[in-house]
Amino acid sequence: MENDIPCSCDVQTLQTIAMIVNGWRKEWKFDSEATWNKVYGEVFAFAQKGGERATTAFIDDCDVHVREGRAILESIGEVVHTNCACCRERLKYDIILLHDLLVHVTAEVKFLEVSVYTSSIQ
């Protein structure tokens, strides 16, 4: 059975959410998660050199990014908790994509939440 089962409900597909995630992820998305801390530190230090206004703008941008990530996670939740039989059937074929989206979005959201919190208390 193919993954493109027709459906009449208005729940986003995981493929649509994946395209949103690709546009949402930060510039360092191509780097390994192991380097995120280093890159964040460099970008934060650059913002600090620009003064308080630049630092606040950077932290605000991170906060917006986290809120957008949480909205994406809510969209994924809507796909998973749908009552639509077609969408539930499609989900069986998209389980790997579901896993990848959850891991990538959650990792980036949590990383930025912790980094912004840590930066603001220093």
PDB file of N, CA and C in Angstrom:
ATOM      1  N   MET A   1       0.837  -1.177   0.000  1.00  0.00           N
ATOM      2  CA  MET A   1       0.000   0.000   0.000  1.00  0.00           C
ATOM      3  C   MET A   1       0.882   1.240   0.000  1.00  0.00           C
ATOM      4  N   GLU A   2       0.476   2.219  -0.754  1.00  0.00           N
ATOM      5  CA  GLU A   2       1.291   3.417  -0.880  1.00  0.00           C
ATOM      6  C   GLU A   2       1.039   4.393   0.257  1.00  0.00           C
ATOM      7  N   ASN A   3       1.955   5.305   0.375  1.00  0.00           N
ATOM      8  CA  ASN A   3       1.955   6.295   1.428  1.00  0.00           C
ATOM      9  C   ASN A   3       1.046   7.486   1.102  1.00  0.00           C
ATOM     10  N   ASP A   4       0.548   7.597  -0.119  1.00  0.00           N
ATOM     11  CA  ASP A   4      -0.245   8.761  -0.518  1.00  0.00           C
ATOM     12  C   ASP A   4      -1.748   8.448  -0.525  1.00  0.00           C
ATOM     13  N   ILE A   5      -2.227   7.917   0.563  1.00  0.00           N
ATOM     14  CA  ILE A   5      -3.639   7.584   0.720  1.00  0.00           C
ATOM     15  C   ILE A   5      -4.440   8.884   0.708  1.00  0.00           C
ATOM     16  N   PRO A   6      -5.472   8.974  -0.154  1.00  0.00           N
ATOM     17  CA  PRO A   6      -6.266  10.215  -0.187  1.00  0.00           C
ATOM     18  C   PRO A   6      -7.054  10.393   1.106  1.00  0.00           C
ATOM     19  N   CYS A   7      -7.191  11.632   1.498  1.00  0.00           N
ATOM     20  CA  CYS A   7      -7.871  11.921   2.756  1.00  0.00           C
ATOM     21  C   CYS A   7      -8.640  13.231   2.618  1.00  0.00           C
ATOM     22  N   SER A   8      -9.793  13.277   3.249  1.00  0.00           N
ATOM     23  CA  SER A   8     -10.608  14.488   3.146  1.00  0.00           C
ATOM     24  C   SER A   8     -10.511  15.381   4.385  1.00  0.00           C
ATOM     25  N   CYS A   9      -9.779  14.946   5.415  1.00  0.00           N
ATOM     26  CA  CYS A   9      -9.677  15.790   6.613  1.00  0.00           C
ATOM     27  C   CYS A   9      -8.644  16.897   6.391  1.00  0.00           C
ATOM     28  N   ASP A  10      -8.577  17.840   7.312  1.00  0.00           N
ATOM     29  CA  ASP A  10      -7.681  18.982   7.132  1.00  0.00           C
ATOM     30  C   ASP A  10      -6.424  18.909   7.995  1.00  0.00           C
ATOM     31  N   VAL A  11      -6.075  17.716   8.479  1.00  0.00           N
ATOM     32  CA  VAL A  11      -4.855  17.549   9.274  1.00  0.00           C
ATOM     33  C   VAL A  11      -3.659  17.560   8.326  1.00  0.00           C
ATOM     34  N   GLN A  12      -2.608  18.293   8.713  1.00  0.00           N
ATOM     35  CA  GLN A  12      -1.399  18.320   7.892  1.00  0.00           C
ATOM     36  C   GLN A  12      -0.796  16.923   7.827  1.00  0.00           C
ATOM     37  N   THR A  13      -0.098  16.632   6.741  1.00  0.00           N
ATOM     38  CA  THR A  13       0.622  15.368   6.652  1.00  0.00           C
ATOM     39  C   THR A  13       2.006  15.552   7.264  1.00  0.00           C
ATOM     40  N   LEU A  14       2.648  14.458   7.609  1.00  0.00           N
ATOM     41  CA  LEU A  14       4.013  14.554   8.130  1.00  0.00           C
ATOM     42  C   LEU A  14       4.965  15.085   7.066  1.00  0.00           C
ATOM     43  N   GLN A  15       4.673  14.807   5.801  1.00  0.00           N
ATOM     44  CA  GLN A  15       5.523  15.329   4.728  1.00  0.00           C
ATOM     45  C   GLN A  15       5.452  16.858   4.688  1.00  0.00           C
ATOM     46  N   THR A  16       4.256  17.408   4.862  1.00  0.00           N
ATOM     47  CA  THR A  16       4.100  18.863   4.901  1.00  0.00           C
ATOM     48  C   THR A  16       4.834  19.441   6.105  1.00  0.00           C
ATOM     49  N   ILE A  17       4.699  18.787   7.244  1.00  0.00           N
ATOM     50  CA  ILE A  17       5.392  19.243   8.458  1.00  0.00           C
ATOM     51  C   ILE A  17       6.898  19.156   8.266  1.00  0.00           C
ATOM     52  N   ALA A  18       7.377  18.112   7.586  1.00  0.00           N
ATOM     53  CA  ALA A  18       8.819  17.972   7.331  1.00  0.00           C
ATOM     54  C   ALA A  18       9.345  19.144   6.512  1.00  0.00           C
ATOM     55  N   MET A  19       8.562  19.606   5.534  1.00  0.00           N
ATOM     56  CA  MET A  19       8.982  20.774   4.741  1.00  0.00           C
ATOM     57  C   MET A  19       9.027  22.023   5.616  1.00  0.00           C
ATOM     58  N   ILE A  20       8.064  22.161   6.520  1.00  0.00           N
ATOM     59  CA  ILE A  20       8.055  23.295   7.447  1.00  0.00           C
ATOM     60  C   ILE A  20       9.288  23.243   8.344  1.00  0.00           C
ATOM     61  N   VAL A  21       9.610  22.055   8.842  1.00  0.00           N
ATOM     62  CA  VAL A  21      10.772  21.876   9.724  1.00  0.00           C
ATOM     63  C   VAL A  21      12.054  22.244   8.990  1.00  0.00           C
ATOM     64  N   ASN A  22      12.181  21.829   7.739  1.00  0.00           N
ATOM     65  CA  ASN A  22      13.402  22.156   6.980  1.00  0.00           C
ATOM     66  C   ASN A  22      13.599  23.657   6.846  1.00  0.00           C
ATOM     67  N   GLY A  23      12.528  24.424   6.720  1.00  0.00           N
ATOM     68  CA  GLY A  23      12.640  25.881   6.670  1.00  0.00           C
ATOM     69  C   GLY A  23      12.814  26.513   8.035  1.00  0.00           C
ATOM     70  N   TRP A  24      12.381  25.817   9.075  1.00  0.00           N
ATOM     71  CA  TRP A  24      12.414  26.342  10.437  1.00  0.00           C
ATOM     72  C   TRP A  24      13.773  26.186  11.101  1.00  0.00           C
ATOM     73  N   ARG A  25      14.456  25.106  10.828  1.00  0.00           N
ATOM     74  CA  ARG A  25      15.695  24.802  11.562  1.00  0.00           C
ATOM     75  C   ARG A  25      16.733  25.908  11.415  1.00  0.00           C
ATOM     76  N   LYS A  26      17.519  26.099  12.447  1.00  0.00           N
ATOM     77  CA  LYS A  26      18.547  27.142  12.471  1.00  0.00           C
ATOM     78  C   LYS A  26      19.650  26.862  11.454  1.00  0.00           C
ATOM     79  N   GLU A  27      20.450  27.865  11.167  1.00  0.00           N
ATOM     80  CA  GLU A  27      21.516  27.760  10.188  1.00  0.00           C
ATOM     81  C   GLU A  27      22.464  26.611  10.496  1.00  0.00           C
ATOM     82  N   TRP A  28      22.655  26.330  11.764  1.00  0.00           N
ATOM     83  CA  TRP A  28      23.597  25.283  12.131  1.00  0.00           C
ATOM     84  C   TRP A  28      22.988  23.895  12.000  1.00  0.00           C
ATOM     85  N   LYS A  29      21.846  23.797  11.374  1.00  0.00           N
ATOM     86  CA  LYS A  29      21.172  22.504  11.205  1.00  0.00           C
ATOM     87  C   LYS A  29      22.027  21.505  10.442  1.00  0.00           C
ATOM     88  N   PHE A  30      22.942  22.009   9.613  1.00  0.00           N
ATOM     89  CA  PHE A  30      23.768  21.097   8.836  1.00  0.00           C
ATOM     90  C   PHE A  30      24.951  20.584   9.645  1.00  0.00           C
ATOM     91  N   ASP A  31      25.212  21.212  10.761  1.00  0.00           N
ATOM     92  CA  ASP A  31      26.289  20.757  11.635  1.00  0.00           C
ATOM     93  C   ASP A  31      25.770  19.660  12.543  1.00  0.00           C
ATOM     94  N   SER A  32      26.669  18.893  13.050  1.00  0.00           N
ATOM     95  CA  SER A  32      26.318  17.859  14.014  1.00  0.00           C
ATOM     96  C   SER A  32      25.787  18.518  15.286  1.00  0.00           C
ATOM     97  N   GLU A  33      24.853  17.858  15.943  1.00  0.00           N
ATOM     98  CA  GLU A  33      24.330  18.397  17.201  1.00  0.00           C
ATOM     99  C   GLU A  33      25.450  18.582  18.216  1.00  0.00           C
ATOM    100  N   ALA A  34      26.530  17.845  18.059  1.00  0.00           N
ATOM    101  CA  ALA A  34      27.666  17.969  18.969  1.00  0.00           C
ATOM    102  C   ALA A  34      28.331  19.346  18.862  1.00  0.00           C
ATOM    103  N   THR A  35      28.133  20.042  17.740  1.00  0.00           N
ATOM    104  CA  THR A  35      28.758  21.360  17.564  1.00  0.00           C
ATOM    105  C   THR A  35      27.814  22.516  17.873  1.00  0.00           C
ATOM    106  N   TRP A  36      26.538  22.215  18.135  1.00  0.00           N
ATOM    107  CA  TRP A  36      25.568  23.287  18.383  1.00  0.00           C
ATOM    108  C   TRP A  36      26.003  24.208  19.510  1.00  0.00           C
ATOM    109  N   ASN A  37      26.521  23.651  20.593  1.00  0.00           N
ATOM    110  CA  ASN A  37      26.914  24.468  21.741  1.00  0.00           C
ATOM    111  C   ASN A  37      28.019  25.451  21.352  1.00  0.00           C
ATOM    112  N   LYS A  38      28.980  24.981  20.590  1.00  0.00           N
ATOM    113  CA  LYS A  38      30.080  25.838  20.152  1.00  0.00           C
ATOM    114  C   LYS A  38      29.548  26.955  19.248  1.00  0.00           C
ATOM    115  N   VAL A  39      28.719  26.586  18.276  1.00  0.00           N
ATOM    116  CA  VAL A  39      28.177  27.570  17.344  1.00  0.00           C
ATOM    117  C   VAL A  39      27.292  28.576  18.080  1.00  0.00           C
ATOM    118  N   TYR A  40      26.440  28.089  18.984  1.00  0.00           N
ATOM    119  CA  TYR A  40      25.599  28.989  19.766  1.00  0.00           C
ATOM    120  C   TYR A  40      26.473  29.972  20.542  1.00  0.00           C
ATOM    121  N   GLY A  41      27.530  29.455  21.182  1.00  0.00           N
ATOM    122  CA  GLY A  41      28.424  30.312  21.949  1.00  0.00           C
ATOM    123  C   GLY A  41      29.057  31.398  21.090  1.00  0.00           C
ATOM    124  N   GLU A  42      29.448  31.035  19.881  1.00  0.00           N
ATOM    125  CA  GLU A  42      30.050  32.010  18.977  1.00  0.00           C
ATOM    126  C   GLU A  42      29.038  33.077  18.551  1.00  0.00           C
ATOM    127  N   VAL A  43      27.829  32.640  18.214  1.00  0.00           N
ATOM    128  CA  VAL A  43      26.791  33.586  17.780  1.00  0.00           C
ATOM    129  C   VAL A  43      26.372  34.487  18.941  1.00  0.00           C
ATOM    130  N   PHE A  44      26.258  33.902  20.133  1.00  0.00           N
ATOM    131  CA  PHE A  44      25.898  34.682  21.313  1.00  0.00           C
ATOM    132  C   PHE A  44      26.993  35.713  21.623  1.00  0.00           C
ATOM    133  N   ALA A  45      28.266  35.290  21.541  1.00  0.00           N
ATOM    134  CA  ALA A  45      29.378  36.214  21.790  1.00  0.00           C
ATOM    135  C   ALA A  45      29.376  37.353  20.772  1.00  0.00           C
ATOM    136  N   PHE A  46      29.077  37.037  19.530  1.00  0.00           N
ATOM    137  CA  PHE A  46      28.993  38.067  18.489  1.00  0.00           C
ATOM    138  C   PHE A  46      27.879  39.057  18.818  1.00  0.00           C
ATOM    139  N   ALA A  47      26.732  38.527  19.268  1.00  0.00           N
ATOM    140  CA  ALA A  47      25.616  39.400  19.637  1.00  0.00           C
ATOM    141  C   ALA A  47      26.005  40.293  20.812  1.00  0.00           C
ATOM    142  N   GLN A  48      26.722  39.738  21.784  1.00  0.00           N
ATOM    143  CA  GLN A  48      27.152  40.528  22.943  1.00  0.00           C
ATOM    144  C   GLN A  48      28.080  41.669  22.532  1.00  0.00           C
ATOM    145  N   LYS A  49      28.918  41.415  21.526  1.00  0.00           N
ATOM    146  CA  LYS A  49      29.812  42.473  21.036  1.00  0.00           C
ATOM    147  C   LYS A  49      29.010  43.626  20.447  1.00  0.00           C
ATOM    148  N   GLY A  50      27.805  43.332  19.971  1.00  0.00           N
ATOM    149  CA  GLY A  50      26.945  44.372  19.409  1.00  0.00           C
ATOM    150  C   GLY A  50      26.214  45.167  20.472  1.00  0.00           C
ATOM    151  N   GLY A  51      26.368  44.786  21.721  1.00  0.00           N
ATOM    152  CA  GLY A  51      25.746  45.516  22.815  1.00  0.00           C
ATOM    153  C   GLY A  51      24.469  44.857  23.318  1.00  0.00           C
ATOM    154  N   GLU A  52      23.859  45.524  24.274  1.00  0.00           N
ATOM    155  CA  GLU A  52      22.670  44.971  24.933  1.00  0.00           C
ATOM    156  C   GLU A  52      21.503  44.781  23.961  1.00  0.00           C
ATOM    157  N   ARG A  53      21.322  45.729  23.079  1.00  0.00           N
ATOM    158  CA  ARG A  53      20.208  45.634  22.116  1.00  0.00           C
ATOM    159  C   ARG A  53      20.377  44.409  21.206  1.00  0.00           C
ATOM    160  N   ALA A  54      21.586  44.181  20.703  1.00  0.00           N
ATOM    161  CA  ALA A  54      21.849  43.037  19.821  1.00  0.00           C
ATOM    162  C   ALA A  54      21.703  41.722  20.582  1.00  0.00           C
ATOM    163  N   THR A  55      22.155  41.712  21.825  1.00  0.00           N
ATOM    164  CA  THR A  55      22.037  40.504  22.649  1.00  0.00           C
ATOM    165  C   THR A  55      20.578  40.189  22.924  1.00  0.00           C
ATOM    166  N   THR A  56      19.807  41.208  23.265  1.00  0.00           N
ATOM    167  CA  THR A  56      18.370  41.016  23.519  1.00  0.00           C
ATOM    168  C   THR A  56      17.665  40.539  22.254  1.00  0.00           C
ATOM    169  N   ALA A  57      18.022  41.107  21.124  1.00  0.00           N
ATOM    170  CA  ALA A  57      17.408  40.697  19.857  1.00  0.00           C
ATOM    171  C   ALA A  57      17.728  39.237  19.552  1.00  0.00           C
ATOM    172  N   PHE A  58      18.953  38.820  19.815  1.00  0.00           N
ATOM    173  CA  PHE A  58      19.338  37.426  19.582  1.00  0.00           C
ATOM    174  C   PHE A  58      18.542  36.487  20.486  1.00  0.00           C
ATOM    175  N   ILE A  59      18.454  36.832  21.756  1.00  0.00           N
ATOM    176  CA  ILE A  59      17.712  35.988  22.701  1.00  0.00           C
ATOM    177  C   ILE A  59      16.225  35.969  22.345  1.00  0.00           C
ATOM    178  N   ASP A  60      15.684  37.110  21.947  1.00  0.00           N
ATOM    179  CA  ASP A  60      14.281  37.155  21.516  1.00  0.00           C
ATOM    180  C   ASP A  60      14.059  36.284  20.283  1.00  0.00           C
ATOM    181  N   ASP A  61      15.010  36.317  19.353  1.00  0.00           N
ATOM    182  CA  ASP A  61      14.924  35.479  18.154  1.00  0.00           C
ATOM    183  C   ASP A  61      14.928  33.991  18.535  1.00  0.00           C
ATOM    184  N   CYS A  62      15.768  33.638  19.481  1.00  0.00           N
ATOM    185  CA  CYS A  62      15.802  32.247  19.956  1.00  0.00           C
ATOM    186  C   CYS A  62      14.475  31.864  20.603  1.00  0.00           C
ATOM    187  N   ASP A  63      13.904  32.793  21.360  1.00  0.00           N
ATOM    188  CA  ASP A  63      12.621  32.534  22.008  1.00  0.00           C
ATOM    189  C   ASP A  63      11.513  32.307  20.973  1.00  0.00           C
ATOM    190  N   VAL A  64      11.499  33.124  19.942  1.00  0.00           N
ATOM    191  CA  VAL A  64      10.517  32.959  18.862  1.00  0.00           C
ATOM    192  C   VAL A  64      10.724  31.598  18.190  1.00  0.00           C
ATOM    193  N   HIS A  65      11.963  31.250  17.959  1.00  0.00           N
ATOM    194  CA  HIS A  65      12.288  29.973  17.325  1.00  0.00           C
ATOM    195  C   HIS A  65      11.786  28.797  18.178  1.00  0.00           C
ATOM    196  N   VAL A  66      11.958  28.903  19.479  1.00  0.00           N
ATOM    197  CA  VAL A  66      11.470  27.856  20.389  1.00  0.00           C
ATOM    198  C   VAL A  66       9.950  27.762  20.324  1.00  0.00           C
ATOM    199  N   ARG A  67       9.263  28.901  20.326  1.00  0.00           N
ATOM    200  CA  ARG A  67       7.789  28.880  20.250  1.00  0.00           C
ATOM    201  C   ARG A  67       7.318  28.279  18.928  1.00  0.00           C
ATOM    202  N   GLU A  68       8.009  28.608  17.844  1.00  0.00           N
ATOM    203  CA  GLU A  68       7.661  28.008  16.552  1.00  0.00           C
ATOM    204  C   GLU A  68       7.887  26.500  16.578  1.00  0.00           C
ATOM    205  N   GLY A  69       8.970  26.076  17.209  1.00  0.00           N
ATOM    206  CA  GLY A  69       9.249  24.640  17.340  1.00  0.00           C
ATOM    207  C   GLY A  69       8.186  23.931  18.142  1.00  0.00           C
ATOM    208  N   ARG A  70       7.724  24.554  19.205  1.00  0.00           N
ATOM    209  CA  ARG A  70       6.644  23.963  20.006  1.00  0.00           C
ATOM    210  C   ARG A  70       5.355  23.866  19.191  1.00  0.00           C
ATOM    211  N   ALA A  71       5.095  24.849  18.342  1.00  0.00           N
ATOM    212  CA  ALA A  71       3.911  24.794  17.475  1.00  0.00           C
ATOM    213  C   ALA A  71       4.037  23.640  16.475  1.00  0.00           C
ATOM    214  N   ILE A  72       5.237  23.415  15.971  1.00  0.00           N
ATOM    215  CA  ILE A  72       5.463  22.282  15.077  1.00  0.00           C
ATOM    216  C   ILE A  72       5.209  20.974  15.820  1.00  0.00           C
ATOM    217  N   LEU A  73       5.689  20.884  17.052  1.00  0.00           N
ATOM    218  CA  LEU A  73       5.447  19.674  17.846  1.00  0.00           C
ATOM    219  C   LEU A  73       3.954  19.461  18.082  1.00  0.00           C
ATOM    220  N   GLU A  74       3.212  20.543  18.287  1.00  0.00           N
ATOM    221  CA  GLU A  74       1.758  20.422  18.429  1.00  0.00           C
ATOM    222  C   GLU A  74       1.124  19.914  17.134  1.00  0.00           C
ATOM    223  N   SER A  75       1.622  20.377  15.993  1.00  0.00           N
ATOM    224  CA  SER A  75       1.116  19.893  14.707  1.00  0.00           C
ATOM    225  C   SER A  75       1.383  18.398  14.540  1.00  0.00           C
ATOM    226  N   ILE A  76       2.556  17.967  14.950  1.00  0.00           N
ATOM    227  CA  ILE A  76       2.874  16.537  14.896  1.00  0.00           C
ATOM    228  C   ILE A  76       1.916  15.771  15.803  1.00  0.00           C
ATOM    229  N   GLY A  77       1.639  16.332  16.971  1.00  0.00           N
ATOM    230  CA  GLY A  77       0.690  15.700  17.887  1.00  0.00           C
ATOM    231  C   GLY A  77      -0.690  15.560  17.279  1.00  0.00           C
ATOM    232  N   GLU A  78      -1.119  16.568  16.516  1.00  0.00           N
ATOM    233  CA  GLU A  78      -2.423  16.495  15.851  1.00  0.00           C
ATOM    234  C   GLU A  78      -2.454  15.355  14.840  1.00  0.00           C
ATOM    235  N   VAL A  79      -1.347  15.151  14.140  1.00  0.00           N
ATOM    236  CA  VAL A  79      -1.275  14.052  13.170  1.00  0.00           C
ATOM    237  C   VAL A  79      -1.380  12.713  13.901  1.00  0.00           C
ATOM    238  N   VAL A  80      -0.665  12.601  14.999  1.00  0.00           N
ATOM    239  CA  VAL A  80      -0.640  11.335  15.742  1.00  0.00           C
ATOM    240  C   VAL A  80      -1.982  11.045  16.408  1.00  0.00           C
ATOM    241  N   HIS A  81      -2.649  12.056  16.903  1.00  0.00           N
ATOM    242  CA  HIS A  81      -3.891  11.856  17.657  1.00  0.00           C
ATOM    243  C   HIS A  81      -5.156  12.047  16.821  1.00  0.00           C
ATOM    244  N   THR A  82      -5.032  11.970  15.519  1.00  0.00           N
ATOM    245  CA  THR A  82      -6.183  12.175  14.648  1.00  0.00           C
ATOM    246  C   THR A  82      -7.198  11.035  14.784  1.00  0.00           C
ATOM    247  N   ASN A  83      -8.447  11.364  14.561  1.00  0.00           N
ATOM    248  CA  ASN A  83      -9.509  10.356  14.534  1.00  0.00           C
ATOM    249  C   ASN A  83      -9.796   9.881  13.118  1.00  0.00           C
ATOM    250  N   CYS A  84      -9.100  10.465  12.158  1.00  0.00           N
ATOM    251  CA  CYS A  84      -9.305  10.136  10.747  1.00  0.00           C
ATOM    252  C   CYS A  84      -8.668   8.778  10.431  1.00  0.00           C
ATOM    253  N   ALA A  85      -9.461   7.861   9.929  1.00  0.00           N
ATOM    254  CA  ALA A  85      -8.966   6.518   9.610  1.00  0.00           C
ATOM    255  C   ALA A  85      -7.890   6.563   8.518  1.00  0.00           C
ATOM    256  N   CYS A  86      -8.059   7.433   7.531  1.00  0.00           N
ATOM    257  CA  CYS A  86      -7.065   7.551   6.455  1.00  0.00           C
ATOM    258  C   CYS A  86      -5.720   8.031   6.998  1.00  0.00           C
ATOM    259  N   CYS A  87      -5.767   9.039   7.850  1.00  0.00           N
ATOM    260  CA  CYS A  87      -4.525   9.584   8.426  1.00  0.00           C
ATOM    261  C   CYS A  87      -3.837   8.562   9.331  1.00  0.00           C
ATOM    262  N   ARG A  88      -4.620   7.828  10.092  1.00  0.00           N
ATOM    263  CA  ARG A  88      -4.028   6.786  10.949  1.00  0.00           C
ATOM    264  C   ARG A  88      -3.364   5.708  10.102  1.00  0.00           C
ATOM    265  N   GLU A  89      -3.992   5.344   8.999  1.00  0.00           N
ATOM    266  CA  GLU A  89      -3.414   4.337   8.101  1.00  0.00           C
ATOM    267  C   GLU A  89      -2.121   4.866   7.477  1.00  0.00           C
ATOM    268  N   ARG A  90      -2.135   6.135   7.036  1.00  0.00           N
ATOM    269  CA  ARG A  90      -0.950   6.756   6.446  1.00  0.00           C
ATOM    270  C   ARG A  90       0.191   6.798   7.452  1.00  0.00           C
ATOM    271  N   LEU A  91      -0.139   7.032   8.707  1.00  0.00           N
ATOM    272  CA  LEU A  91       0.879   7.136   9.755  1.00  0.00           C
ATOM    273  C   LEU A  91       1.677   5.847   9.903  1.00  0.00           C
ATOM    274  N   LYS A  92       1.058   4.722   9.634  1.00  0.00           N
ATOM    275  CA  LYS A  92       1.767   3.439   9.716  1.00  0.00           C
ATOM    276  C   LYS A  92       2.971   3.419   8.781  1.00  0.00           C
ATOM    277  N   TYR A  93       2.850   4.097   7.651  1.00  0.00           N
ATOM    278  CA  TYR A  93       3.914   4.108   6.662  1.00  0.00           C
ATOM    279  C   TYR A  93       4.909   5.244   6.885  1.00  0.00           C
ATOM    280  N   ASP A  94       4.575   6.147   7.764  1.00  0.00           N
ATOM    281  CA  ASP A  94       5.417   7.321   8.011  1.00  0.00           C
ATOM    282  C   ASP A  94       6.102   7.282   9.378  1.00  0.00           C
ATOM    283  N   ILE A  95       6.179   6.137   9.999  1.00  0.00           N
ATOM    284  CA  ILE A  95       6.681   6.058  11.380  1.00  0.00           C
ATOM    285  C   ILE A  95       8.143   6.513  11.494  1.00  0.00           C
ATOM    286  N   ILE A  96       8.967   6.229  10.504  1.00  0.00           N
ATOM    287  CA  ILE A  96      10.375   6.668  10.534  1.00  0.00           C
ATOM    288  C   ILE A  96      10.440   8.191  10.437  1.00  0.00           C
ATOM    289  N   LEU A  97       9.652   8.758   9.532  1.00  0.00           N
ATOM    290  CA  LEU A  97       9.596  10.221   9.406  1.00  0.00           C
ATOM    291  C   LEU A  97       9.097  10.839  10.701  1.00  0.00           C
ATOM    292  N   LEU A  98       8.083  10.243  11.312  1.00  0.00           N
ATOM    293  CA  LEU A  98       7.566  10.729  12.596  1.00  0.00           C
ATOM    294  C   LEU A  98       8.677  10.761  13.634  1.00  0.00           C
ATOM    295  N   HIS A  99       9.421   9.682  13.735  1.00  0.00           N
ATOM    296  CA  HIS A  99      10.530   9.604  14.696  1.00  0.00           C
ATOM    297  C   HIS A  99      11.560  10.697  14.420  1.00  0.00           C
ATOM    298  N   ASP A 100      11.968  10.822  13.156  1.00  0.00           N
ATOM    299  CA  ASP A 100      12.992  11.815  12.810  1.00  0.00           C
ATOM    300  C   ASP A 100      12.538  13.237  13.135  1.00  0.00           C
ATOM    301  N   LEU A 101      11.294  13.558  12.808  1.00  0.00           N
ATOM    302  CA  LEU A 101      10.776  14.896  13.100  1.00  0.00           C
ATOM    303  C   LEU A 101      10.758  15.168  14.595  1.00  0.00           C
ATOM    304  N   LEU A 102      10.272  14.207  15.363  1.00  0.00           N
ATOM    305  CA  LEU A 102      10.219  14.394  16.814  1.00  0.00           C
ATOM    306  C   LEU A 102      11.610  14.591  17.404  1.00  0.00           C
ATOM    307  N   VAL A 103      12.556  13.776  16.972  1.00  0.00           N
ATOM    308  CA  VAL A 103      13.920  13.875  17.502  1.00  0.00           C
ATOM    309  C   VAL A 103      14.549  15.213  17.137  1.00  0.00           C
ATOM    310  N   HIS A 104      14.475  15.594  15.865  1.00  0.00           N
ATOM    311  CA  HIS A 104      15.146  16.825  15.427  1.00  0.00           C
ATOM    312  C   HIS A 104      14.514  18.077  16.035  1.00  0.00           C
ATOM    313  N   VAL A 105      13.204  18.163  16.006  1.00  0.00           N
ATOM    314  CA  VAL A 105      12.542  19.372  16.514  1.00  0.00           C
ATOM    315  C   VAL A 105      12.707  19.460  18.026  1.00  0.00           C
ATOM    316  N   THR A 106      12.491  18.363  18.731  1.00  0.00           N
ATOM    317  CA  THR A 106      12.632  18.379  20.194  1.00  0.00           C
ATOM    318  C   THR A 106      14.061  18.721  20.596  1.00  0.00           C
ATOM    319  N   ALA A 107      15.040  18.150  19.903  1.00  0.00           N
ATOM    320  CA  ALA A 107      16.442  18.430  20.232  1.00  0.00           C
ATOM    321  C   ALA A 107      16.759  19.914  20.070  1.00  0.00           C
ATOM    322  N   GLU A 108      16.319  20.507  18.976  1.00  0.00           N
ATOM    323  CA  GLU A 108      16.623  21.920  18.742  1.00  0.00           C
ATOM    324  C   GLU A 108      15.891  22.823  19.728  1.00  0.00           C
ATOM    325  N   VAL A 109      14.637  22.509  20.000  1.00  0.00           N
ATOM    326  CA  VAL A 109      13.863  23.307  20.962  1.00  0.00           C
ATOM    327  C   VAL A 109      14.512  23.229  22.337  1.00  0.00           C
ATOM    328  N   LYS A 110      14.803  22.031  22.798  1.00  0.00           N
ATOM    329  CA  LYS A 110      15.393  21.878  24.138  1.00  0.00           C
ATOM    330  C   LYS A 110      16.775  22.516  24.211  1.00  0.00           C
ATOM    331  N   PHE A 111      17.572  22.348  23.157  1.00  0.00           N
ATOM    332  CA  PHE A 111      18.895  22.962  23.150  1.00  0.00           C
ATOM    333  C   PHE A 111      18.789  24.470  23.327  1.00  0.00           C
ATOM    334  N   LEU A 112      17.909  25.095  22.534  1.00  0.00           N
ATOM    335  CA  LEU A 112      17.785  26.556  22.625  1.00  0.00           C
ATOM    336  C   LEU A 112      17.180  26.998  23.947  1.00  0.00           C
ATOM    337  N   GLU A 113      16.229  26.253  24.470  1.00  0.00           N
ATOM    338  CA  GLU A 113      15.662  26.615  25.781  1.00  0.00           C
ATOM    339  C   GLU A 113      16.747  26.628  26.850  1.00  0.00           C
ATOM    340  N   VAL A 114      17.540  25.590  26.873  1.00  0.00           N
ATOM    341  CA  VAL A 114      18.604  25.503  27.880  1.00  0.00           C
ATOM    342  C   VAL A 114      19.671  26.551  27.626  1.00  0.00           C
ATOM    343  N   SER A 115      20.053  26.738  26.368  1.00  0.00           N
ATOM    344  CA  SER A 115      21.118  27.713  26.051  1.00  0.00           C
ATOM    345  C   SER A 115      20.687  29.134  26.385  1.00  0.00           C
ATOM    346  N   VAL A 116      19.470  29.497  26.045  1.00  0.00           N
ATOM    347  CA  VAL A 116      18.987  30.850  26.347  1.00  0.00           C
ATOM    348  C   VAL A 116      18.895  31.040  27.842  1.00  0.00           C
ATOM    349  N   TYR A 117      18.375  30.048  28.565  1.00  0.00           N
ATOM    350  CA  TYR A 117      18.274  30.151  30.022  1.00  0.00           C
ATOM    351  C   TYR A 117      19.666  30.297  30.634  1.00  0.00           C
ATOM    352  N   THR A 118      20.599  29.472  30.179  1.00  0.00           N
ATOM    353  CA  THR A 118      21.953  29.524  30.717  1.00  0.00           C
ATOM    354  C   THR A 118      22.608  30.859  30.396  1.00  0.00           C
ATOM    355  N   SER A 119      22.400  31.361  29.176  1.00  0.00           N
ATOM    356  CA  SER A 119      22.979  32.643  28.783  1.00  0.00           C
ATOM    357  C   SER A 119      22.418  33.805  29.594  1.00  0.00           C
ATOM    358  N   SER A 120      21.142  33.716  29.912  1.00  0.00           N
ATOM    359  CA  SER A 120      20.507  34.834  30.623  1.00  0.00           C
ATOM    360  C   SER A 120      20.852  34.886  32.105  1.00  0.00           C
ATOM    361  N   ILE A 121      21.342  33.790  32.672  1.00  0.00           N
ATOM    362  CA  ILE A 121      21.682  33.817  34.096  1.00  0.00           C
ATOM    363  C   ILE A 121      23.166  34.068  34.333  1.00  0.00           C
ATOM    364  N   GLN A 122      23.934  34.158  33.258  1.00  0.00           N
ATOM    365  CA  GLN A 122      25.382  34.382  33.417  1.00  0.00           C
ATOM    366  C   GLN A 122      25.679  35.853  33.581  1.00  0.00           C
TER     367      GLN A 122
END
